[in-house]
């Protein structure tokens, strides 16, 4: 028997997968970065604290069950919020990686 999934379940699973993938990519990127020591640990700690807060807020929104009449509006708002959060995470990661690359380049000069 084939199980059917509601649109909300699919959206929630997709958003959760995207966020977890972003966090995993961020952590792997920092772990393989050429810079080591206290500075990278401070950056990692700072970013993980803020990502944790963002994920907690998003998780709370995902777990809140909307009323049937509000489901579409809430789903659209949730998707827009998740896209904005994912973009913020991507920008944070890009900025950190750019800083690490610049430091690596200046250190090798």
PDB file of N, CA and C in Angstrom:
ATOM      1  N   UNK A   1       0.839  -1.173   0.000  1.00  0.00           N
ATOM      2  CA  UNK A   1       0.000   0.000   0.000  1.00  0.00           C
ATOM      3  C   UNK A   1       0.887   1.241   0.000  1.00  0.00           C
ATOM      4  N   UNK A   2       0.592   2.167  -0.864  1.00  0.00           N
ATOM      5  CA  UNK A   2       1.395   3.368  -1.030  1.00  0.00           C
ATOM      6  C   UNK A   2       0.915   4.448  -0.070  1.00  0.00           C
ATOM      7  N   UNK A   3       1.857   5.025   0.667  1.00  0.00           N
ATOM      8  CA  UNK A   3       1.511   6.090   1.600  1.00  0.00           C
ATOM      9  C   UNK A   3       1.507   7.416   0.861  1.00  0.00           C
ATOM     10  N   UNK A   4       0.523   8.227   1.137  1.00  0.00           N
ATOM     11  CA  UNK A   4       0.468   9.559   0.532  1.00  0.00           C
ATOM     12  C   UNK A   4       0.866  10.581   1.590  1.00  0.00           C
ATOM     13  N   UNK A   5       1.561  11.603   1.141  1.00  0.00           N
ATOM     14  CA  UNK A   5       2.029  12.652   2.032  1.00  0.00           C
ATOM     15  C   UNK A   5       1.313  13.948   1.696  1.00  0.00           C
ATOM     16  N   UNK A   6       0.982  14.698   2.726  1.00  0.00           N
ATOM     17  CA  UNK A   6       0.338  15.987   2.491  1.00  0.00           C
ATOM     18  C   UNK A   6       1.394  16.992   2.042  1.00  0.00           C
ATOM     19  N   UNK A   7       0.932  18.076   1.465  1.00  0.00           N
ATOM     20  CA  UNK A   7       1.837  19.129   1.005  1.00  0.00           C
ATOM     21  C   UNK A   7       2.640  19.688   2.167  1.00  0.00           C
ATOM     22  N   UNK A   8       1.992  19.849   3.298  1.00  0.00           N
ATOM     23  CA  UNK A   8       2.690  20.368   4.488  1.00  0.00           C
ATOM     24  C   UNK A   8       3.815  19.449   4.928  1.00  0.00           C
ATOM     25  N   UNK A   9       3.567  18.145   4.892  1.00  0.00           N
ATOM     26  CA  UNK A   9       4.607  17.185   5.281  1.00  0.00           C
ATOM     27  C   UNK A   9       5.783  17.234   4.321  1.00  0.00           C
ATOM     28  N   UNK A  10       5.491  17.359   3.044  1.00  0.00           N
ATOM     29  CA  UNK A  10       6.557  17.425   2.038  1.00  0.00           C
ATOM     30  C   UNK A  10       7.369  18.707   2.209  1.00  0.00           C
ATOM     31  N   UNK A  11       6.684  19.822   2.425  1.00  0.00           N
ATOM     32  CA  UNK A  11       7.380  21.101   2.617  1.00  0.00           C
ATOM     33  C   UNK A  11       8.242  21.037   3.870  1.00  0.00           C
ATOM     34  N   UNK A  12       7.688  20.530   4.947  1.00  0.00           N
ATOM     35  CA  UNK A  12       8.456  20.438   6.202  1.00  0.00           C
ATOM     36  C   UNK A  12       9.697  19.567   6.026  1.00  0.00           C
ATOM     37  N   UNK A  13       9.531  18.431   5.385  1.00  0.00           N
ATOM     38  CA  UNK A  13      10.672  17.527   5.179  1.00  0.00           C
ATOM     39  C   UNK A  13      11.721  18.176   4.290  1.00  0.00           C
ATOM     40  N   UNK A  14      11.291  18.852   3.243  1.00  0.00           N
ATOM     41  CA  UNK A  14      12.229  19.525   2.347  1.00  0.00           C
ATOM     42  C   UNK A  14      12.986  20.638   3.025  1.00  0.00           C
ATOM     43  N   UNK A  15      12.272  21.446   3.799  1.00  0.00           N
ATOM     44  CA  UNK A  15      12.928  22.548   4.511  1.00  0.00           C
ATOM     45  C   UNK A  15      13.905  22.033   5.556  1.00  0.00           C
ATOM     46  N   UNK A  16      13.492  21.027   6.278  1.00  0.00           N
ATOM     47  CA  UNK A  16      14.376  20.459   7.290  1.00  0.00           C
ATOM     48  C   UNK A  16      15.624  19.872   6.642  1.00  0.00           C
ATOM     49  N   UNK A  17      15.451  19.170   5.532  1.00  0.00           N
ATOM     50  CA  UNK A  17      16.596  18.607   4.816  1.00  0.00           C
ATOM     51  C   UNK A  17      17.532  19.690   4.304  1.00  0.00           C
ATOM     52  N   UNK A  18      16.956  20.769   3.762  1.00  0.00           N
ATOM     53  CA  UNK A  18      17.780  21.869   3.249  1.00  0.00           C
ATOM     54  C   UNK A  18      18.557  22.549   4.374  1.00  0.00           C
ATOM     55  N   UNK A  19      17.897  22.763   5.495  1.00  0.00           N
ATOM     56  CA  UNK A  19      18.584  23.414   6.619  1.00  0.00           C
ATOM     57  C   UNK A  19      19.668  22.526   7.206  1.00  0.00           C
ATOM     58  N   UNK A  20      19.355  21.257   7.376  1.00  0.00           N
ATOM     59  CA  UNK A  20      20.368  20.352   7.927  1.00  0.00           C
ATOM     60  C   UNK A  20      21.542  20.206   6.959  1.00  0.00           C
ATOM     61  N   UNK A  21      21.252  20.166   5.662  1.00  0.00           N
ATOM     62  CA  UNK A  21      22.323  20.103   4.669  1.00  0.00           C
ATOM     63  C   UNK A  21      23.182  21.351   4.685  1.00  0.00           C
ATOM     64  N   UNK A  22      22.555  22.509   4.876  1.00  0.00           N
ATOM     65  CA  UNK A  22      23.309  23.764   4.958  1.00  0.00           C
ATOM     66  C   UNK A  22      24.231  23.768   6.164  1.00  0.00           C
ATOM     67  N   UNK A  23      23.694  23.339   7.284  1.00  0.00           N
ATOM     68  CA  UNK A  23      24.507  23.302   8.501  1.00  0.00           C
ATOM     69  C   UNK A  23      25.658  22.311   8.337  1.00  0.00           C
ATOM     70  N   UNK A  24      25.376  21.147   7.793  1.00  0.00           N
ATOM     71  CA  UNK A  24      26.429  20.150   7.596  1.00  0.00           C
ATOM     72  C   UNK A  24      27.503  20.675   6.640  1.00  0.00           C
ATOM     73  N   UNK A  25      27.094  21.326   5.563  1.00  0.00           N
ATOM     74  CA  UNK A  25      28.051  21.901   4.619  1.00  0.00           C
ATOM     75  C   UNK A  25      28.892  22.986   5.258  1.00  0.00           C
ATOM     76  N   UNK A  26      28.268  23.794   6.083  1.00  0.00           N
ATOM     77  CA  UNK A  26      28.979  24.848   6.789  1.00  0.00           C
ATOM     78  C   UNK A  26      30.046  24.263   7.709  1.00  0.00           C
ATOM     79  N   UNK A  27      29.660  23.272   8.490  1.00  0.00           N
ATOM     80  CA  UNK A  27      30.601  22.654   9.433  1.00  0.00           C
ATOM     81  C   UNK A  27      31.747  21.977   8.686  1.00  0.00           C
ATOM     82  N   UNK A  28      31.452  21.246   7.638  1.00  0.00           N
ATOM     83  CA  UNK A  28      32.501  20.582   6.859  1.00  0.00           C
ATOM     84  C   UNK A  28      33.430  21.624   6.241  1.00  0.00           C
ATOM     85  N   UNK A  29      32.871  22.703   5.714  1.00  0.00           N
ATOM     86  CA  UNK A  29      33.681  23.765   5.135  1.00  0.00           C
ATOM     87  C   UNK A  29      34.636  24.367   6.136  1.00  0.00           C
ATOM     88  N   UNK A  30      34.157  24.574   7.342  1.00  0.00           N
ATOM     89  CA  UNK A  30      35.033  25.138   8.372  1.00  0.00           C
ATOM     90  C   UNK A  30      36.081  24.135   8.836  1.00  0.00           C
ATOM     91  N   UNK A  31      35.704  22.876   8.885  1.00  0.00           N
ATOM     92  CA  UNK A  31      36.654  21.869   9.350  1.00  0.00           C
ATOM     93  C   UNK A  31      37.790  21.644   8.357  1.00  0.00           C
ATOM     94  N   UNK A  32      37.523  21.804   7.072  1.00  0.00           N
ATOM     95  CA  UNK A  32      38.587  21.586   6.089  1.00  0.00           C
ATOM     96  C   UNK A  32      39.269  22.889   5.687  1.00  0.00           C
ATOM     97  N   UNK A  33      38.875  23.991   6.292  1.00  0.00           N
ATOM     98  CA  UNK A  33      39.494  25.279   5.994  1.00  0.00           C
ATOM     99  C   UNK A  33      40.954  25.259   6.433  1.00  0.00           C
ATOM    100  N   UNK A  34      41.794  25.987   5.727  1.00  0.00           N
ATOM    101  CA  UNK A  34      43.220  25.977   6.046  1.00  0.00           C
ATOM    102  C   UNK A  34      43.553  26.663   7.366  1.00  0.00           C
ATOM    103  N   UNK A  35      42.694  27.529   7.831  1.00  0.00           N
ATOM    104  CA  UNK A  35      42.969  28.244   9.066  1.00  0.00           C
ATOM    105  C   UNK A  35      42.621  27.348  10.262  1.00  0.00           C
ATOM    106  N   UNK A  36      43.446  27.358  11.271  1.00  0.00           N
ATOM    107  CA  UNK A  36      43.174  26.560  12.468  1.00  0.00           C
ATOM    108  C   UNK A  36      43.329  27.445  13.694  1.00  0.00           C
ATOM    109  N   UNK A  37      43.053  26.875  14.829  1.00  0.00           N
ATOM    110  CA  UNK A  37      43.304  27.577  16.079  1.00  0.00           C
ATOM    111  C   UNK A  37      42.083  28.240  16.661  1.00  0.00           C
ATOM    112  N   UNK A  38      42.357  29.134  17.599  1.00  0.00           N
ATOM    113  CA  UNK A  38      41.308  29.791  18.374  1.00  0.00           C
ATOM    114  C   UNK A  38      40.357  30.623  17.544  1.00  0.00           C
ATOM    115  N   UNK A  39      40.863  31.291  16.515  1.00  0.00           N
ATOM    116  CA  UNK A  39      40.006  32.162  15.714  1.00  0.00           C
ATOM    117  C   UNK A  39      38.918  31.368  14.998  1.00  0.00           C
ATOM    118  N   UNK A  40      39.271  30.255  14.396  1.00  0.00           N
ATOM    119  CA  UNK A  40      38.272  29.455  13.681  1.00  0.00           C
ATOM    120  C   UNK A  40      37.283  28.831  14.660  1.00  0.00           C
ATOM    121  N   UNK A  41      37.752  28.460  15.841  1.00  0.00           N
ATOM    122  CA  UNK A  41      36.830  27.900  16.847  1.00  0.00           C
ATOM    123  C   UNK A  41      35.841  28.955  17.319  1.00  0.00           C
ATOM    124  N   UNK A  42      36.317  30.188  17.497  1.00  0.00           N
ATOM    125  CA  UNK A  42      35.407  31.272  17.907  1.00  0.00           C
ATOM    126  C   UNK A  42      34.363  31.533  16.820  1.00  0.00           C
ATOM    127  N   UNK A  43      34.806  31.555  15.581  1.00  0.00           N
ATOM    128  CA  UNK A  43      33.862  31.766  14.475  1.00  0.00           C
ATOM    129  C   UNK A  43      32.843  30.644  14.402  1.00  0.00           C
ATOM    130  N   UNK A  44      33.330  29.434  14.526  1.00  0.00           N
ATOM    131  CA  UNK A  44      32.440  28.270  14.463  1.00  0.00           C
ATOM    132  C   UNK A  44      31.414  28.320  15.586  1.00  0.00           C
ATOM    133  N   UNK A  45      31.874  28.614  16.787  1.00  0.00           N
ATOM    134  CA  UNK A  45      30.971  28.695  17.933  1.00  0.00           C
ATOM    135  C   UNK A  45      29.915  29.766  17.716  1.00  0.00           C
ATOM    136  N   UNK A  46      30.358  30.929  17.277  1.00  0.00           N
ATOM    137  CA  UNK A  46      29.439  32.038  17.030  1.00  0.00           C
ATOM    138  C   UNK A  46      28.389  31.659  15.984  1.00  0.00           C
ATOM    139  N   UNK A  47      28.832  31.118  14.865  1.00  0.00           N
ATOM    140  CA  UNK A  47      27.905  30.766  13.801  1.00  0.00           C
ATOM    141  C   UNK A  47      26.953  29.653  14.216  1.00  0.00           C
ATOM    142  N   UNK A  48      27.463  28.658  14.933  1.00  0.00           N
ATOM    143  CA  UNK A  48      26.596  27.555  15.353  1.00  0.00           C
ATOM    144  C   UNK A  48      25.542  28.021  16.348  1.00  0.00           C
ATOM    145  N   UNK A  49      25.913  28.957  17.229  1.00  0.00           N
ATOM    146  CA  UNK A  49      24.922  29.488  18.171  1.00  0.00           C
ATOM    147  C   UNK A  49      23.806  30.195  17.417  1.00  0.00           C
ATOM    148  N   UNK A  50      24.170  31.013  16.446  1.00  0.00           N
ATOM    149  CA  UNK A  50      23.153  31.737  15.691  1.00  0.00           C
ATOM    150  C   UNK A  50      22.357  30.811  14.779  1.00  0.00           C
ATOM    151  N   UNK A  51      23.007  29.837  14.186  1.00  0.00           N
ATOM    152  CA  UNK A  51      22.271  28.878  13.356  1.00  0.00           C
ATOM    153  C   UNK A  51      21.323  28.062  14.218  1.00  0.00           C
ATOM    154  N   UNK A  52      21.773  27.703  15.412  1.00  0.00           N
ATOM    155  CA  UNK A  52      20.908  26.953  16.324  1.00  0.00           C
ATOM    156  C   UNK A  52      19.653  27.734  16.672  1.00  0.00           C
ATOM    157  N   UNK A  53      19.829  29.037  16.930  1.00  0.00           N
ATOM    158  CA  UNK A  53      18.673  29.883  17.244  1.00  0.00           C
ATOM    159  C   UNK A  53      17.731  29.976  16.049  1.00  0.00           C
ATOM    160  N   UNK A  54      18.291  30.140  14.857  1.00  0.00           N
ATOM    161  CA  UNK A  54      17.461  30.221  13.656  1.00  0.00           C
ATOM    162  C   UNK A  54      16.700  28.920  13.424  1.00  0.00           C
ATOM    163  N   UNK A  55      17.399  27.806  13.579  1.00  0.00           N
ATOM    164  CA  UNK A  55      16.751  26.509  13.374  1.00  0.00           C
ATOM    165  C   UNK A  55      15.671  26.261  14.418  1.00  0.00           C
ATOM    166  N   UNK A  56      15.921  26.704  15.644  1.00  0.00           N
ATOM    167  CA  UNK A  56      14.918  26.520  16.689  1.00  0.00           C
ATOM    168  C   UNK A  56      13.646  27.310  16.345  1.00  0.00           C
ATOM    169  N   UNK A  57      13.814  28.556  15.912  1.00  0.00           N
ATOM    170  CA  UNK A  57      12.641  29.360  15.536  1.00  0.00           C
ATOM    171  C   UNK A  57      11.892  28.723  14.369  1.00  0.00           C
ATOM    172  N   UNK A  58      12.636  28.261  13.372  1.00  0.00           N
ATOM    173  CA  UNK A  58      12.002  27.643  12.220  1.00  0.00           C
ATOM    174  C   UNK A  58      11.305  26.345  12.610  1.00  0.00           C
ATOM    175  N   UNK A  59      11.944  25.558  13.468  1.00  0.00           N
ATOM    176  CA  UNK A  59      11.333  24.313  13.938  1.00  0.00           C
ATOM    177  C   UNK A  59      10.038  24.562  14.687  1.00  0.00           C
ATOM    178  N   UNK A  60      10.038  25.613  15.506  1.00  0.00           N
ATOM    179  CA  UNK A  60       8.809  25.954  16.227  1.00  0.00           C
ATOM    180  C   UNK A  60       7.696  26.328  15.253  1.00  0.00           C
ATOM    181  N   UNK A  61       8.054  27.043  14.204  1.00  0.00           N
ATOM    182  CA  UNK A  61       7.049  27.403  13.207  1.00  0.00           C
ATOM    183  C   UNK A  61       6.538  26.162  12.478  1.00  0.00           C
ATOM    184  N   UNK A  62       7.437  25.234  12.186  1.00  0.00           N
ATOM    185  CA  UNK A  62       7.034  24.020  11.478  1.00  0.00           C
ATOM    186  C   UNK A  62       6.111  23.152  12.322  1.00  0.00           C
ATOM    187  N   UNK A  63       6.368  23.107  13.614  1.00  0.00           N
ATOM    188  CA  UNK A  63       5.597  22.230  14.481  1.00  0.00           C
ATOM    189  C   UNK A  63       4.241  22.812  14.873  1.00  0.00           C
ATOM    190  N   UNK A  64       4.084  24.110  14.745  1.00  0.00           N
ATOM    191  CA  UNK A  64       2.795  24.732  15.043  1.00  0.00           C
ATOM    192  C   UNK A  64       1.790  24.335  13.970  1.00  0.00           C
ATOM    193  N   UNK A  65       0.705  23.716  14.377  1.00  0.00           N
ATOM    194  CA  UNK A  65      -0.309  23.266  13.407  1.00  0.00           C
ATOM    195  C   UNK A  65      -1.263  24.418  13.104  1.00  0.00           C
ATOM    196  N   UNK A  66      -1.306  24.865  11.858  1.00  0.00           N
ATOM    197  CA  UNK A  66      -2.223  25.958  11.519  1.00  0.00           C
ATOM    198  C   UNK A  66      -3.659  25.455  11.402  1.00  0.00           C
ATOM    199  N   UNK A  67      -4.591  26.377  11.569  1.00  0.00           N
ATOM    200  CA  UNK A  67      -6.002  26.046  11.365  1.00  0.00           C
ATOM    201  C   UNK A  67      -6.211  25.759   9.881  1.00  0.00           C
ATOM    202  N   UNK A  68      -7.196  24.911   9.524  1.00  0.00           N
ATOM    203  CA  UNK A  68      -7.388  24.526   8.125  1.00  0.00           C
ATOM    204  C   UNK A  68      -7.508  25.716   7.169  1.00  0.00           C
ATOM    205  N   UNK A  69      -8.175  26.790   7.560  1.00  0.00           N
ATOM    206  CA  UNK A  69      -8.327  27.951   6.688  1.00  0.00           C
ATOM    207  C   UNK A  69      -7.031  28.727   6.506  1.00  0.00           C
ATOM    208  N   UNK A  70      -6.104  28.577   7.426  1.00  0.00           N
ATOM    209  CA  UNK A  70      -4.851  29.327   7.379  1.00  0.00           C
ATOM    210  C   UNK A  70      -3.701  28.527   6.771  1.00  0.00           C
ATOM    211  N   UNK A  71      -3.940  27.290   6.449  1.00  0.00           N
ATOM    212  CA  UNK A  71      -2.849  26.401   6.049  1.00  0.00           C
ATOM    213  C   UNK A  71      -2.069  26.929   4.845  1.00  0.00           C
ATOM    214  N   UNK A  72      -2.744  27.371   3.835  1.00  0.00           N
ATOM    215  CA  UNK A  72      -2.044  27.840   2.634  1.00  0.00           C
ATOM    216  C   UNK A  72      -1.216  29.092   2.937  1.00  0.00           C
ATOM    217  N   UNK A  73      -1.823  30.055   3.626  1.00  0.00           N
ATOM    218  CA  UNK A  73      -1.124  31.290   3.961  1.00  0.00           C
ATOM    219  C   UNK A  73       0.089  30.999   4.841  1.00  0.00           C
ATOM    220  N   UNK A  74      -0.095  30.131   5.823  1.00  0.00           N
ATOM    221  CA  UNK A  74       1.007  29.775   6.713  1.00  0.00           C
ATOM    222  C   UNK A  74       2.101  29.033   5.953  1.00  0.00           C
ATOM    223  N   UNK A  75       1.712  28.154   5.034  1.00  0.00           N
ATOM    224  CA  UNK A  75       2.690  27.421   4.236  1.00  0.00           C
ATOM    225  C   UNK A  75       3.523  28.351   3.371  1.00  0.00           C
ATOM    226  N   UNK A  76       2.865  29.309   2.737  1.00  0.00           N
ATOM    227  CA  UNK A  76       3.584  30.261   1.897  1.00  0.00           C
ATOM    228  C   UNK A  76       4.517  31.136   2.729  1.00  0.00           C
ATOM    229  N   UNK A  77       4.045  31.563   3.893  1.00  0.00           N
ATOM    230  CA  UNK A  77       4.889  32.373   4.771  1.00  0.00           C
ATOM    231  C   UNK A  77       6.075  31.556   5.279  1.00  0.00           C
ATOM    232  N   UNK A  78       5.827  30.307   5.590  1.00  0.00           N
ATOM    233  CA  UNK A  78       6.882  29.437   6.079  1.00  0.00           C
ATOM    234  C   UNK A  78       7.947  29.196   5.007  1.00  0.00           C
ATOM    235  N   UNK A  79       7.506  28.972   3.782  1.00  0.00           N
ATOM    236  CA  UNK A  79       8.450  28.773   2.682  1.00  0.00           C
ATOM    237  C   UNK A  79       9.265  30.047   2.456  1.00  0.00           C
ATOM    238  N   UNK A  80       8.615  31.199   2.477  1.00  0.00           N
ATOM    239  CA  UNK A  80       9.334  32.468   2.296  1.00  0.00           C
ATOM    240  C   UNK A  80      10.342  32.677   3.419  1.00  0.00           C
ATOM    241  N   UNK A  81       9.945  32.367   4.642  1.00  0.00           N
ATOM    242  CA  UNK A  81      10.850  32.505   5.784  1.00  0.00           C
ATOM    243  C   UNK A  81      12.027  31.542   5.672  1.00  0.00           C
ATOM    244  N   UNK A  82      11.765  30.325   5.275  1.00  0.00           N
ATOM    245  CA  UNK A  82      12.839  29.340   5.134  1.00  0.00           C
ATOM    246  C   UNK A  82      13.810  29.757   4.038  1.00  0.00           C
ATOM    247  N   UNK A  83      13.293  30.291   2.947  1.00  0.00           N
ATOM    248  CA  UNK A  83      14.168  30.767   1.871  1.00  0.00           C
ATOM    249  C   UNK A  83      15.051  31.909   2.365  1.00  0.00           C
ATOM    250  N   UNK A  84      14.453  32.829   3.111  1.00  0.00           N
ATOM    251  CA  UNK A  84      15.230  33.957   3.643  1.00  0.00           C
ATOM    252  C   UNK A  84      16.301  33.462   4.614  1.00  0.00           C
ATOM    253  N   UNK A  85      15.942  32.540   5.488  1.00  0.00           N
ATOM    254  CA  UNK A  85      16.911  31.988   6.443  1.00  0.00           C
ATOM    255  C   UNK A  85      18.015  31.231   5.718  1.00  0.00           C
ATOM    256  N   UNK A  86      17.655  30.460   4.707  1.00  0.00           N
ATOM    257  CA  UNK A  86      18.656  29.721   3.936  1.00  0.00           C
ATOM    258  C   UNK A  86      19.602  30.690   3.228  1.00  0.00           C
ATOM    259  N   UNK A  87      19.073  31.776   2.708  1.00  0.00           N
ATOM    260  CA  UNK A  87      19.908  32.786   2.055  1.00  0.00           C
ATOM    261  C   UNK A  87      20.850  33.444   3.070  1.00  0.00           C
ATOM    262  N   UNK A  88      20.328  33.740   4.268  1.00  0.00           N
ATOM    263  CA  UNK A  88      21.183  34.312   5.317  1.00  0.00           C
ATOM    264  C   UNK A  88      22.302  33.351   5.689  1.00  0.00           C
ATOM    265  N   UNK A  89      21.976  32.092   5.820  1.00  0.00           N
ATOM    266  CA  UNK A  89      22.981  31.082   6.152  1.00  0.00           C
ATOM    267  C   UNK A  89      24.014  30.994   5.039  1.00  0.00           C
ATOM    268  N   UNK A  90      23.548  30.991   3.783  1.00  0.00           N
ATOM    269  CA  UNK A  90      24.469  30.921   2.652  1.00  0.00           C
ATOM    270  C   UNK A  90      25.402  32.127   2.634  1.00  0.00           C
ATOM    271  N   UNK A  91      24.859  33.311   2.895  1.00  0.00           N
ATOM    272  CA  UNK A  91      25.685  34.518   2.908  1.00  0.00           C
ATOM    273  C   UNK A  91      26.711  34.466   4.041  1.00  0.00           C
ATOM    274  N   UNK A  92      26.301  33.977   5.212  1.00  0.00           N
ATOM    275  CA  UNK A  92      27.243  33.841   6.332  1.00  0.00           C
ATOM    276  C   UNK A  92      28.375  32.886   5.973  1.00  0.00           C
ATOM    277  N   UNK A  93      28.014  31.779   5.361  1.00  0.00           N
ATOM    278  CA  UNK A  93      29.027  30.793   4.979  1.00  0.00           C
ATOM    279  C   UNK A  93      29.951  31.369   3.914  1.00  0.00           C
ATOM    280  N   UNK A  94      29.373  32.033   2.914  1.00  0.00           N
ATOM    281  CA  UNK A  94      30.197  32.636   1.867  1.00  0.00           C
ATOM    282  C   UNK A  94      31.154  33.670   2.446  1.00  0.00           C
ATOM    283  N   UNK A  95      30.674  34.484   3.377  1.00  0.00           N
ATOM    284  CA  UNK A  95      31.531  35.498   3.993  1.00  0.00           C
ATOM    285  C   UNK A  95      32.672  34.854   4.771  1.00  0.00           C
ATOM    286  N   UNK A  96      32.357  33.832   5.541  1.00  0.00           N
ATOM    287  CA  UNK A  96      33.408  33.151   6.307  1.00  0.00           C
ATOM    288  C   UNK A  96      34.424  32.492   5.390  1.00  0.00           C
ATOM    289  N   UNK A  97      33.952  31.812   4.363  1.00  0.00           N
ATOM    290  CA  UNK A  97      34.872  31.154   3.438  1.00  0.00           C
ATOM    291  C   UNK A  97      35.713  32.177   2.685  1.00  0.00           C
ATOM    292  N   UNK A  98      35.115  33.315   2.329  1.00  0.00           N
ATOM    293  CA  UNK A  98      35.879  34.374   1.675  1.00  0.00           C
ATOM    294  C   UNK A  98      36.981  34.907   2.582  1.00  0.00           C
ATOM    295  N   UNK A  99      36.654  35.100   3.847  1.00  0.00           N
ATOM    296  CA  UNK A  99      37.665  35.558   4.815  1.00  0.00           C
ATOM    297  C   UNK A  99      38.776  34.533   4.955  1.00  0.00           C
ATOM    298  N   UNK A 100      38.403  33.275   5.028  1.00  0.00           N
ATOM    299  CA  UNK A 100      39.411  32.229   5.173  1.00  0.00           C
ATOM    300  C   UNK A 100      40.305  32.160   3.942  1.00  0.00           C
ATOM    301  N   UNK A 101      39.719  32.298   2.762  1.00  0.00           N
ATOM    302  CA  UNK A 101      40.520  32.265   1.532  1.00  0.00           C
ATOM    303  C   UNK A 101      41.472  33.448   1.459  1.00  0.00           C
ATOM    304  N   UNK A 102      40.976  34.641   1.842  1.00  0.00           N
ATOM    305  CA  UNK A 102      41.850  35.819   1.826  1.00  0.00           C
ATOM    306  C   UNK A 102      43.005  35.652   2.803  1.00  0.00           C
ATOM    307  N   UNK A 103      42.731  35.130   3.974  1.00  0.00           N
ATOM    308  CA  UNK A 103      43.797  34.915   4.962  1.00  0.00           C
ATOM    309  C   UNK A 103      44.787  33.866   4.482  1.00  0.00           C
ATOM    310  N   UNK A 104      44.252  32.849   3.835  1.00  0.00           N
ATOM    311  CA  UNK A 104      45.132  31.795   3.315  1.00  0.00           C
ATOM    312  C   UNK A 104      46.037  32.364   2.228  1.00  0.00           C
ATOM    313  N   UNK A 105      45.475  33.186   1.354  1.00  0.00           N
ATOM    314  CA  UNK A 105      46.245  33.786   0.285  1.00  0.00           C
ATOM    315  C   UNK A 105      47.300  34.741   0.833  1.00  0.00           C
ATOM    316  N   UNK A 106      46.920  35.551   1.811  1.00  0.00           N
ATOM    317  CA  UNK A 106      47.892  36.502   2.385  1.00  0.00           C
ATOM    318  C   UNK A 106      48.955  35.775   3.199  1.00  0.00           C
ATOM    319  N   UNK A 107      48.612  34.658   3.816  1.00  0.00           N
ATOM    320  CA  UNK A 107      49.582  33.898   4.600  1.00  0.00           C
ATOM    321  C   UNK A 107      50.591  33.196   3.696  1.00  0.00           C
ATOM    322  N   UNK A 108      50.163  32.788   2.495  1.00  0.00           N
ATOM    323  CA  UNK A 108      51.066  32.081   1.601  1.00  0.00           C
ATOM    324  C   UNK A 108      51.917  33.037   0.788  1.00  0.00           C
ATOM    325  N   UNK A 109      51.599  34.344   0.819  1.00  0.00           N
ATOM    326  CA  UNK A 109      52.378  35.333   0.051  1.00  0.00           C
ATOM    327  C   UNK A 109      53.686  35.654   0.703  1.00  0.00           C
TER     328      UNK A 109
END
